[in-house]
Amino acid sequence: MNQHIDDPIPPFDDAAHEREWLAQERAMRRERLQLDPAGDDARGRRYRLLARALREPLPDALPADFAQQLARRVAVVPTRQAASGTAFEFVLALALATALAVATGVVVAMYGSAWLPSFVTILPTPHAPTTRWLLALAGCLGASWLLGQWQRHAQERAN
């Protein structure tokens, strides 16, 4: 099948790709010449349908106020969906966090006596210098988080 329809394209490396390409070209040629589709096989009819669709002109341009229409639709939809979706997601997240906390408590109660003493030996003694630095780090992180929450709240109130 090295003969191509009115095209100087060299033969393909794969015979299946060449047969497919020939079927596409044959269907496009038959559609262009407006020949009767009764003699075509199912694949040829599909390719003719595709060729016909590609030949049709594109739809008209977007309306002049397309951006305004889209902005109106976008502004309306999230307010209705966000309220119900956010509440549902919050309830699911709360249920998941509760289940995780309960599971953690159960695991610590059941198996804690075996591995908790190992962690106690790792922790620094209360009067060690490391303890003061860890407390200072925790204080800085807590102050940073509180400052961020305060700024976010102030910005929400300003908007």
N, C-alpha and C. Protein backbone atom coordinates (compact mmCIF):
# COMPACT_ATOMS: atom_id res chain seq x y z
N MET A 1 0.82 -1.19 0.00
CA MET A 1 0.00 0.00 0.00
C MET A 1 0.85 1.24 0.00
N ASN A 2 1.75 1.35 -0.92
CA ASN A 2 2.63 2.50 -0.98
C ASN A 2 2.11 3.59 -1.89
N GLN A 3 0.94 3.40 -2.48
CA GLN A 3 0.39 4.43 -3.36
C GLN A 3 -0.44 5.39 -2.52
N HIS A 4 -0.12 6.64 -2.63
CA HIS A 4 -0.86 7.67 -1.90
C HIS A 4 -1.73 8.43 -2.90
N ILE A 5 -2.82 8.94 -2.43
CA ILE A 5 -3.78 9.62 -3.28
C ILE A 5 -3.30 11.03 -3.54
N ASP A 6 -2.84 11.30 -4.74
CA ASP A 6 -2.47 12.64 -5.17
C ASP A 6 -1.55 13.35 -4.17
N ASP A 7 -0.64 12.63 -3.57
CA ASP A 7 0.20 13.25 -2.56
C ASP A 7 1.60 12.65 -2.62
N PRO A 8 2.63 13.47 -2.65
CA PRO A 8 3.99 12.93 -2.75
C PRO A 8 4.61 12.56 -1.40
N ILE A 9 3.81 12.20 -0.40
CA ILE A 9 4.34 11.85 0.91
C ILE A 9 4.99 10.48 0.83
N PRO A 10 6.20 10.33 1.36
CA PRO A 10 6.87 9.02 1.32
C PRO A 10 6.11 8.00 2.16
N PRO A 11 6.33 6.72 1.94
CA PRO A 11 5.60 5.69 2.69
C PRO A 11 5.93 5.73 4.18
N PHE A 12 4.97 5.30 4.97
CA PHE A 12 5.12 5.28 6.42
C PHE A 12 5.98 4.10 6.84
N ASP A 13 6.54 4.18 8.05
CA ASP A 13 7.30 3.05 8.60
C ASP A 13 6.37 1.95 9.07
N ASP A 14 5.18 2.32 9.48
CA ASP A 14 4.21 1.36 10.00
C ASP A 14 3.07 1.23 9.00
N ALA A 15 2.77 0.02 8.58
CA ALA A 15 1.72 -0.21 7.58
C ALA A 15 0.35 0.20 8.12
N ALA A 16 0.09 0.01 9.43
CA ALA A 16 -1.20 0.38 10.00
C ALA A 16 -1.41 1.88 9.95
N HIS A 17 -0.36 2.66 10.25
CA HIS A 17 -0.48 4.12 10.16
C HIS A 17 -0.73 4.55 8.73
N GLU A 18 -0.07 3.89 7.78
CA GLU A 18 -0.26 4.24 6.37
C GLU A 18 -1.69 3.95 5.93
N ARG A 19 -2.24 2.80 6.32
CA ARG A 19 -3.63 2.46 5.96
C ARG A 19 -4.60 3.48 6.56
N GLU A 20 -4.34 3.89 7.80
CA GLU A 20 -5.22 4.88 8.44
C GLU A 20 -5.15 6.22 7.72
N TRP A 21 -3.94 6.63 7.38
CA TRP A 21 -3.78 7.89 6.67
C TRP A 21 -4.46 7.84 5.31
N LEU A 22 -4.31 6.71 4.61
CA LEU A 22 -4.96 6.57 3.30
C LEU A 22 -6.48 6.61 3.43
N ALA A 23 -7.02 6.00 4.48
CA ALA A 23 -8.47 6.04 4.69
C ALA A 23 -8.94 7.47 4.93
N GLN A 24 -8.17 8.23 5.70
CA GLN A 24 -8.53 9.63 5.95
C GLN A 24 -8.49 10.44 4.66
N GLU A 25 -7.42 10.27 3.89
CA GLU A 25 -7.29 11.03 2.64
C GLU A 25 -8.38 10.65 1.65
N ARG A 26 -8.70 9.36 1.54
CA ARG A 26 -9.74 8.91 0.64
C ARG A 26 -11.08 9.52 1.03
N ALA A 27 -11.39 9.53 2.33
CA ALA A 27 -12.65 10.10 2.80
C ALA A 27 -12.70 11.59 2.54
N MET A 28 -11.58 12.30 2.78
CA MET A 28 -11.57 13.74 2.52
C MET A 28 -11.76 14.03 1.04
N ARG A 29 -11.12 13.22 0.20
CA ARG A 29 -11.24 13.43 -1.25
C ARG A 29 -12.67 13.16 -1.71
N ARG A 30 -13.28 12.08 -1.22
CA ARG A 30 -14.65 11.75 -1.61
C ARG A 30 -15.63 12.82 -1.11
N GLU A 31 -15.37 13.37 0.05
CA GLU A 31 -16.24 14.44 0.57
C GLU A 31 -16.06 15.71 -0.24
N ARG A 32 -14.82 16.02 -0.59
CA ARG A 32 -14.54 17.22 -1.37
C ARG A 32 -15.20 17.14 -2.75
N LEU A 33 -15.19 15.94 -3.34
CA LEU A 33 -15.80 15.74 -4.66
C LEU A 33 -17.30 15.48 -4.57
N GLN A 34 -17.82 15.43 -3.35
CA GLN A 34 -19.24 15.20 -3.07
C GLN A 34 -19.74 13.90 -3.72
N LEU A 35 -18.95 12.84 -3.58
CA LEU A 35 -19.34 11.53 -4.09
C LEU A 35 -20.32 10.88 -3.14
N ASP A 36 -21.06 9.89 -3.64
CA ASP A 36 -22.08 9.22 -2.85
C ASP A 36 -21.43 8.44 -1.70
N PRO A 37 -21.87 8.67 -0.44
CA PRO A 37 -21.26 7.98 0.69
C PRO A 37 -21.71 6.53 0.83
N ALA A 38 -22.59 6.05 -0.04
CA ALA A 38 -23.09 4.68 0.09
C ALA A 38 -21.97 3.66 -0.08
N GLY A 39 -20.96 3.97 -0.87
CA GLY A 39 -19.87 3.03 -1.10
C GLY A 39 -18.79 3.06 -0.04
N ASP A 40 -18.91 3.94 0.93
CA ASP A 40 -17.90 4.05 1.98
C ASP A 40 -18.14 3.03 3.10
N ASP A 41 -17.06 2.63 3.74
CA ASP A 41 -17.19 1.78 4.92
C ASP A 41 -17.45 2.68 6.14
N ALA A 42 -17.60 2.08 7.31
CA ALA A 42 -17.93 2.86 8.52
C ALA A 42 -16.84 3.86 8.87
N ARG A 43 -15.59 3.44 8.73
CA ARG A 43 -14.48 4.35 9.04
C ARG A 43 -14.46 5.51 8.06
N GLY A 44 -14.69 5.24 6.78
CA GLY A 44 -14.74 6.31 5.77
C GLY A 44 -15.87 7.29 6.03
N ARG A 45 -17.04 6.78 6.47
CA ARG A 45 -18.16 7.69 6.78
C ARG A 45 -17.83 8.59 7.96
N ARG A 46 -17.14 8.02 8.97
CA ARG A 46 -16.75 8.86 10.12
C ARG A 46 -15.77 9.94 9.69
N TYR A 47 -14.80 9.57 8.85
CA TYR A 47 -13.83 10.57 8.38
C TYR A 47 -14.49 11.61 7.49
N ARG A 48 -15.48 11.21 6.71
CA ARG A 48 -16.20 12.19 5.88
C ARG A 48 -16.98 13.16 6.76
N LEU A 49 -17.58 12.63 7.82
CA LEU A 49 -18.30 13.50 8.77
C LEU A 49 -17.34 14.50 9.40
N LEU A 50 -16.17 14.04 9.76
CA LEU A 50 -15.16 14.92 10.35
C LEU A 50 -14.70 15.97 9.33
N ALA A 51 -14.47 15.56 8.10
CA ALA A 51 -14.05 16.51 7.06
C ALA A 51 -15.14 17.55 6.82
N ARG A 52 -16.40 17.12 6.83
CA ARG A 52 -17.52 18.05 6.63
C ARG A 52 -17.58 19.06 7.77
N ALA A 53 -17.37 18.59 9.01
CA ALA A 53 -17.41 19.49 10.17
C ALA A 53 -16.26 20.48 10.13
N LEU A 54 -15.09 20.03 9.68
CA LEU A 54 -13.94 20.93 9.62
C LEU A 54 -14.08 21.97 8.51
N ARG A 55 -14.86 21.66 7.50
CA ARG A 55 -15.05 22.60 6.39
C ARG A 55 -16.03 23.71 6.72
N GLU A 56 -16.90 23.48 7.70
CA GLU A 56 -17.91 24.48 8.03
C GLU A 56 -17.25 25.68 8.69
N PRO A 57 -17.80 26.88 8.47
CA PRO A 57 -17.20 28.08 9.07
C PRO A 57 -17.36 28.05 10.60
N LEU A 58 -16.46 28.73 11.24
CA LEU A 58 -16.50 28.83 12.70
C LEU A 58 -17.72 29.65 13.11
N PRO A 59 -18.22 29.41 14.33
CA PRO A 59 -19.35 30.23 14.80
C PRO A 59 -18.96 31.70 14.89
N ASP A 60 -19.97 32.54 14.94
CA ASP A 60 -19.72 33.98 15.03
C ASP A 60 -18.87 34.31 16.24
N ALA A 61 -18.34 35.51 16.22
CA ALA A 61 -17.50 35.97 17.32
C ALA A 61 -18.33 36.10 18.59
N LEU A 62 -17.65 36.24 19.70
CA LEU A 62 -18.31 36.41 20.98
C LEU A 62 -19.11 37.72 20.98
N PRO A 63 -20.19 37.78 21.76
CA PRO A 63 -20.95 39.03 21.84
C PRO A 63 -20.09 40.15 22.42
N ALA A 64 -20.48 41.37 22.13
CA ALA A 64 -19.71 42.54 22.57
C ALA A 64 -19.64 42.63 24.09
N ASP A 65 -20.69 42.21 24.79
CA ASP A 65 -20.68 42.31 26.25
C ASP A 65 -20.40 40.94 26.90
N PHE A 66 -19.63 40.11 26.25
CA PHE A 66 -19.32 38.78 26.77
C PHE A 66 -18.65 38.84 28.14
N ALA A 67 -17.69 39.71 28.31
CA ALA A 67 -16.97 39.80 29.58
C ALA A 67 -17.91 40.21 30.71
N GLN A 68 -18.82 41.13 30.44
CA GLN A 68 -19.77 41.56 31.46
C GLN A 68 -20.73 40.44 31.83
N GLN A 69 -21.20 39.70 30.81
CA GLN A 69 -22.10 38.58 31.08
C GLN A 69 -21.41 37.52 31.93
N LEU A 70 -20.19 37.20 31.57
CA LEU A 70 -19.43 36.18 32.30
C LEU A 70 -19.15 36.64 33.73
N ALA A 71 -18.80 37.91 33.90
CA ALA A 71 -18.53 38.44 35.23
C ALA A 71 -19.79 38.37 36.10
N ARG A 72 -20.95 38.66 35.52
CA ARG A 72 -22.20 38.57 36.27
C ARG A 72 -22.48 37.14 36.70
N ARG A 73 -22.27 36.18 35.78
CA ARG A 73 -22.50 34.78 36.11
C ARG A 73 -21.55 34.29 37.19
N VAL A 74 -20.30 34.67 37.08
CA VAL A 74 -19.30 34.23 38.06
C VAL A 74 -19.58 34.85 39.41
N ALA A 75 -20.02 36.08 39.45
CA ALA A 75 -20.28 36.75 40.72
C ALA A 75 -21.49 36.15 41.43
N VAL A 76 -22.46 35.67 40.69
CA VAL A 76 -23.69 35.16 41.29
C VAL A 76 -23.51 33.72 41.78
N VAL A 77 -22.89 32.87 41.00
CA VAL A 77 -22.84 31.43 41.30
C VAL A 77 -22.09 31.11 42.58
N PRO A 78 -20.89 31.61 42.82
CA PRO A 78 -20.17 31.19 44.02
C PRO A 78 -20.85 31.58 45.33
N THR A 79 -21.56 32.69 45.35
CA THR A 79 -22.16 33.10 46.62
C THR A 79 -23.21 32.09 47.07
N ARG A 80 -23.96 31.53 46.13
CA ARG A 80 -24.97 30.54 46.51
C ARG A 80 -24.32 29.21 46.87
N GLN A 81 -23.34 28.78 46.07
CA GLN A 81 -22.73 27.47 46.28
C GLN A 81 -21.71 27.51 47.41
N ALA A 82 -21.04 28.63 47.61
CA ALA A 82 -19.98 28.69 48.61
C ALA A 82 -20.53 28.50 50.01
N ALA A 83 -21.69 29.05 50.29
CA ALA A 83 -22.24 28.95 51.64
C ALA A 83 -22.53 27.50 52.00
N SER A 84 -23.19 26.76 51.11
CA SER A 84 -23.51 25.38 51.43
C SER A 84 -22.28 24.50 51.34
N GLY A 85 -21.43 24.71 50.35
CA GLY A 85 -20.24 23.89 50.17
C GLY A 85 -19.25 24.07 51.30
N THR A 86 -19.05 25.28 51.74
CA THR A 86 -18.09 25.54 52.81
C THR A 86 -18.56 24.94 54.12
N ALA A 87 -19.83 25.06 54.42
CA ALA A 87 -20.36 24.49 55.67
C ALA A 87 -20.23 22.98 55.65
N PHE A 88 -20.53 22.36 54.55
CA PHE A 88 -20.43 20.91 54.44
C PHE A 88 -18.98 20.45 54.59
N GLU A 89 -18.06 21.15 53.92
CA GLU A 89 -16.65 20.81 54.04
C GLU A 89 -16.15 21.00 55.47
N PHE A 90 -16.62 22.04 56.12
CA PHE A 90 -16.22 22.29 57.51
C PHE A 90 -16.69 21.16 58.41
N VAL A 91 -17.92 20.70 58.23
CA VAL A 91 -18.45 19.61 59.05
C VAL A 91 -17.65 18.34 58.79
N LEU A 92 -17.32 18.06 57.52
CA LEU A 92 -16.52 16.87 57.22
C LEU A 92 -15.12 16.96 57.84
N ALA A 93 -14.49 18.12 57.74
CA ALA A 93 -13.16 18.30 58.32
C ALA A 93 -13.21 18.16 59.84
N LEU A 94 -14.25 18.71 60.46
CA LEU A 94 -14.40 18.59 61.91
C LEU A 94 -14.61 17.14 62.31
N ALA A 95 -15.42 16.41 61.56
CA ALA A 95 -15.65 14.99 61.85
C ALA A 95 -14.35 14.20 61.70
N LEU A 96 -13.58 14.50 60.68
CA LEU A 96 -12.31 13.81 60.47
C LEU A 96 -11.32 14.12 61.60
N ALA A 97 -11.24 15.37 61.99
CA ALA A 97 -10.34 15.76 63.09
C ALA A 97 -10.77 15.09 64.40
N THR A 98 -12.07 15.02 64.65
CA THR A 98 -12.57 14.36 65.86
C THR A 98 -12.23 12.88 65.85
N ALA A 99 -12.45 12.23 64.71
CA ALA A 99 -12.12 10.80 64.60
C ALA A 99 -10.63 10.56 64.79
N LEU A 100 -9.81 11.45 64.26
CA LEU A 100 -8.36 11.32 64.41
C LEU A 100 -7.95 11.50 65.88
N ALA A 101 -8.55 12.46 66.56
CA ALA A 101 -8.23 12.70 67.97
C ALA A 101 -8.66 11.50 68.83
N VAL A 102 -9.83 10.95 68.55
CA VAL A 102 -10.30 9.79 69.30
C VAL A 102 -9.39 8.59 69.04
N ALA A 103 -9.01 8.37 67.79
CA ALA A 103 -8.12 7.26 67.46
C ALA A 103 -6.76 7.43 68.13
N THR A 104 -6.26 8.65 68.18
CA THR A 104 -4.98 8.90 68.85
C THR A 104 -5.08 8.59 70.34
N GLY A 105 -6.16 9.02 70.96
CA GLY A 105 -6.36 8.72 72.38
C GLY A 105 -6.44 7.22 72.64
N VAL A 106 -7.14 6.50 71.78
CA VAL A 106 -7.27 5.06 71.95
C VAL A 106 -5.90 4.38 71.80
N VAL A 107 -5.13 4.79 70.79
CA VAL A 107 -3.81 4.19 70.57
C VAL A 107 -2.88 4.49 71.74
N VAL A 108 -2.89 5.71 72.24
CA VAL A 108 -2.03 6.05 73.38
C VAL A 108 -2.46 5.27 74.62
N ALA A 109 -3.76 5.12 74.84
CA ALA A 109 -4.23 4.38 76.01
C ALA A 109 -3.86 2.90 75.92
N MET A 110 -3.93 2.33 74.73
CA MET A 110 -3.66 0.90 74.59
C MET A 110 -2.16 0.58 74.56
N TYR A 111 -1.40 1.36 73.79
CA TYR A 111 0.00 1.01 73.56
C TYR A 111 0.99 2.01 74.15
N GLY A 112 0.50 3.04 74.81
CA GLY A 112 1.38 4.08 75.33
C GLY A 112 2.39 3.62 76.35
N SER A 113 2.01 2.65 77.16
CA SER A 113 2.94 2.19 78.20
C SER A 113 4.18 1.53 77.60
N ALA A 114 4.10 1.07 76.36
CA ALA A 114 5.25 0.43 75.73
C ALA A 114 6.22 1.44 75.12
N TRP A 115 5.74 2.52 74.54
CA TRP A 115 6.65 3.43 73.84
C TRP A 115 6.75 4.82 74.43
N LEU A 116 5.88 5.23 75.32
CA LEU A 116 6.00 6.56 75.93
C LEU A 116 7.27 6.73 76.77
N PRO A 117 7.73 5.73 77.52
CA PRO A 117 8.98 5.92 78.27
C PRO A 117 10.17 6.24 77.36
N SER A 118 10.17 5.73 76.14
CA SER A 118 11.27 6.05 75.21
C SER A 118 11.29 7.54 74.88
N PHE A 119 10.11 8.13 74.73
CA PHE A 119 10.05 9.55 74.43
C PHE A 119 10.44 10.41 75.62
N VAL A 120 10.13 9.95 76.80
CA VAL A 120 10.47 10.70 78.01
C VAL A 120 11.98 10.83 78.14
N THR A 121 12.73 9.81 77.76
CA THR A 121 14.19 9.88 77.85
C THR A 121 14.77 10.84 76.82
N ILE A 122 14.08 11.07 75.73
CA ILE A 122 14.57 11.99 74.69
C ILE A 122 14.36 13.45 75.11
N LEU A 123 13.29 13.74 75.81
CA LEU A 123 12.97 15.12 76.19
C LEU A 123 14.03 15.67 77.14
N PRO A 124 14.34 16.97 77.02
CA PRO A 124 15.32 17.57 77.93
C PRO A 124 14.72 17.74 79.32
N THR A 125 15.60 17.83 80.31
CA THR A 125 15.14 18.05 81.68
C THR A 125 14.60 19.47 81.80
N PRO A 126 13.70 19.73 82.74
CA PRO A 126 13.06 21.04 82.83
C PRO A 126 14.02 22.21 83.03
N HIS A 127 15.17 22.00 83.66
CA HIS A 127 16.08 23.11 83.95
C HIS A 127 17.26 23.18 83.00
N ALA A 128 17.24 22.42 81.93
CA ALA A 128 18.35 22.42 80.96
C ALA A 128 18.28 23.67 80.09
N PRO A 129 19.40 24.16 79.56
CA PRO A 129 19.39 25.36 78.70
C PRO A 129 18.57 25.14 77.42
N THR A 130 18.53 23.90 76.96
CA THR A 130 17.77 23.61 75.75
C THR A 130 16.29 23.91 75.94
N THR A 131 15.79 23.66 77.12
CA THR A 131 14.37 23.88 77.40
C THR A 131 14.01 25.35 77.22
N ARG A 132 14.88 26.24 77.71
CA ARG A 132 14.61 27.67 77.57
C ARG A 132 14.57 28.08 76.10
N TRP A 133 15.49 27.55 75.28
CA TRP A 133 15.49 27.89 73.85
C TRP A 133 14.25 27.33 73.15
N LEU A 134 13.83 26.14 73.51
CA LEU A 134 12.61 25.57 72.92
C LEU A 134 11.38 26.39 73.29
N LEU A 135 11.33 26.85 74.54
CA LEU A 135 10.22 27.72 74.95
C LEU A 135 10.25 29.05 74.22
N ALA A 136 11.45 29.61 74.02
CA ALA A 136 11.58 30.87 73.28
C ALA A 136 11.12 30.67 71.83
N LEU A 137 11.50 29.55 71.22
CA LEU A 137 11.07 29.26 69.85
C LEU A 137 9.55 29.13 69.78
N ALA A 138 8.97 28.41 70.72
CA ALA A 138 7.52 28.26 70.74
C ALA A 138 6.83 29.61 70.93
N GLY A 139 7.39 30.46 71.79
CA GLY A 139 6.83 31.79 71.99
C GLY A 139 6.88 32.64 70.73
N CYS A 140 8.01 32.59 70.00
CA CYS A 140 8.14 33.35 68.76
C CYS A 140 7.16 32.86 67.70
N LEU A 141 7.06 31.55 67.58
CA LEU A 141 6.11 30.99 66.60
C LEU A 141 4.67 31.37 66.95
N GLY A 142 4.33 31.28 68.23
CA GLY A 142 2.98 31.65 68.65
C GLY A 142 2.70 33.13 68.42
N ALA A 143 3.66 33.99 68.72
CA ALA A 143 3.47 35.44 68.50
C ALA A 143 3.33 35.74 67.02
N SER A 144 4.12 35.07 66.18
CA SER A 144 4.01 35.28 64.73
C SER A 144 2.64 34.86 64.22
N TRP A 145 2.15 33.72 64.69
CA TRP A 145 0.85 33.24 64.25
C TRP A 145 -0.26 34.21 64.70
N LEU A 146 -0.19 34.66 65.96
CA LEU A 146 -1.19 35.59 66.45
C LEU A 146 -1.16 36.91 65.68
N LEU A 147 0.03 37.41 65.35
CA LEU A 147 0.15 38.64 64.58
C LEU A 147 -0.46 38.47 63.19
N GLY A 148 -0.21 37.32 62.56
CA GLY A 148 -0.80 37.05 61.24
C GLY A 148 -2.32 37.00 61.31
N GLN A 149 -2.86 36.37 62.36
CA GLN A 149 -4.32 36.32 62.52
C GLN A 149 -4.89 37.72 62.72
N TRP A 150 -4.22 38.52 63.51
CA TRP A 150 -4.68 39.87 63.76
C TRP A 150 -4.68 40.70 62.48
N GLN A 151 -3.60 40.58 61.67
CA GLN A 151 -3.53 41.33 60.40
C GLN A 151 -4.62 40.86 59.43
N ARG A 152 -4.85 39.57 59.35
CA ARG A 152 -5.89 39.05 58.45
C ARG A 152 -7.26 39.56 58.87
N HIS A 153 -7.51 39.57 60.18
CA HIS A 153 -8.78 40.06 60.68
C HIS A 153 -8.94 41.56 60.38
N ALA A 154 -7.87 42.32 60.51
CA ALA A 154 -7.92 43.76 60.24
C ALA A 154 -8.18 44.01 58.75
N GLN A 155 -7.59 43.22 57.89
CA GLN A 155 -7.81 43.39 56.45
C GLN A 155 -9.24 43.03 56.06
N GLU A 156 -9.79 41.97 56.67
CA GLU A 156 -11.17 41.59 56.38
C GLU A 156 -12.14 42.67 56.84
N ARG A 157 -11.84 43.29 57.97
CA ARG A 157 -12.71 44.35 58.47
C ARG A 157 -12.62 45.59 57.57
N ALA A 158 -11.42 45.85 57.00
CA ALA A 158 -11.23 47.01 56.12
C ALA A 158 -11.96 46.83 54.79
N ASN A 159 -12.05 45.59 54.33
CA ASN A 159 -12.75 45.32 53.05
C ASN A 159 -14.20 45.26 53.30
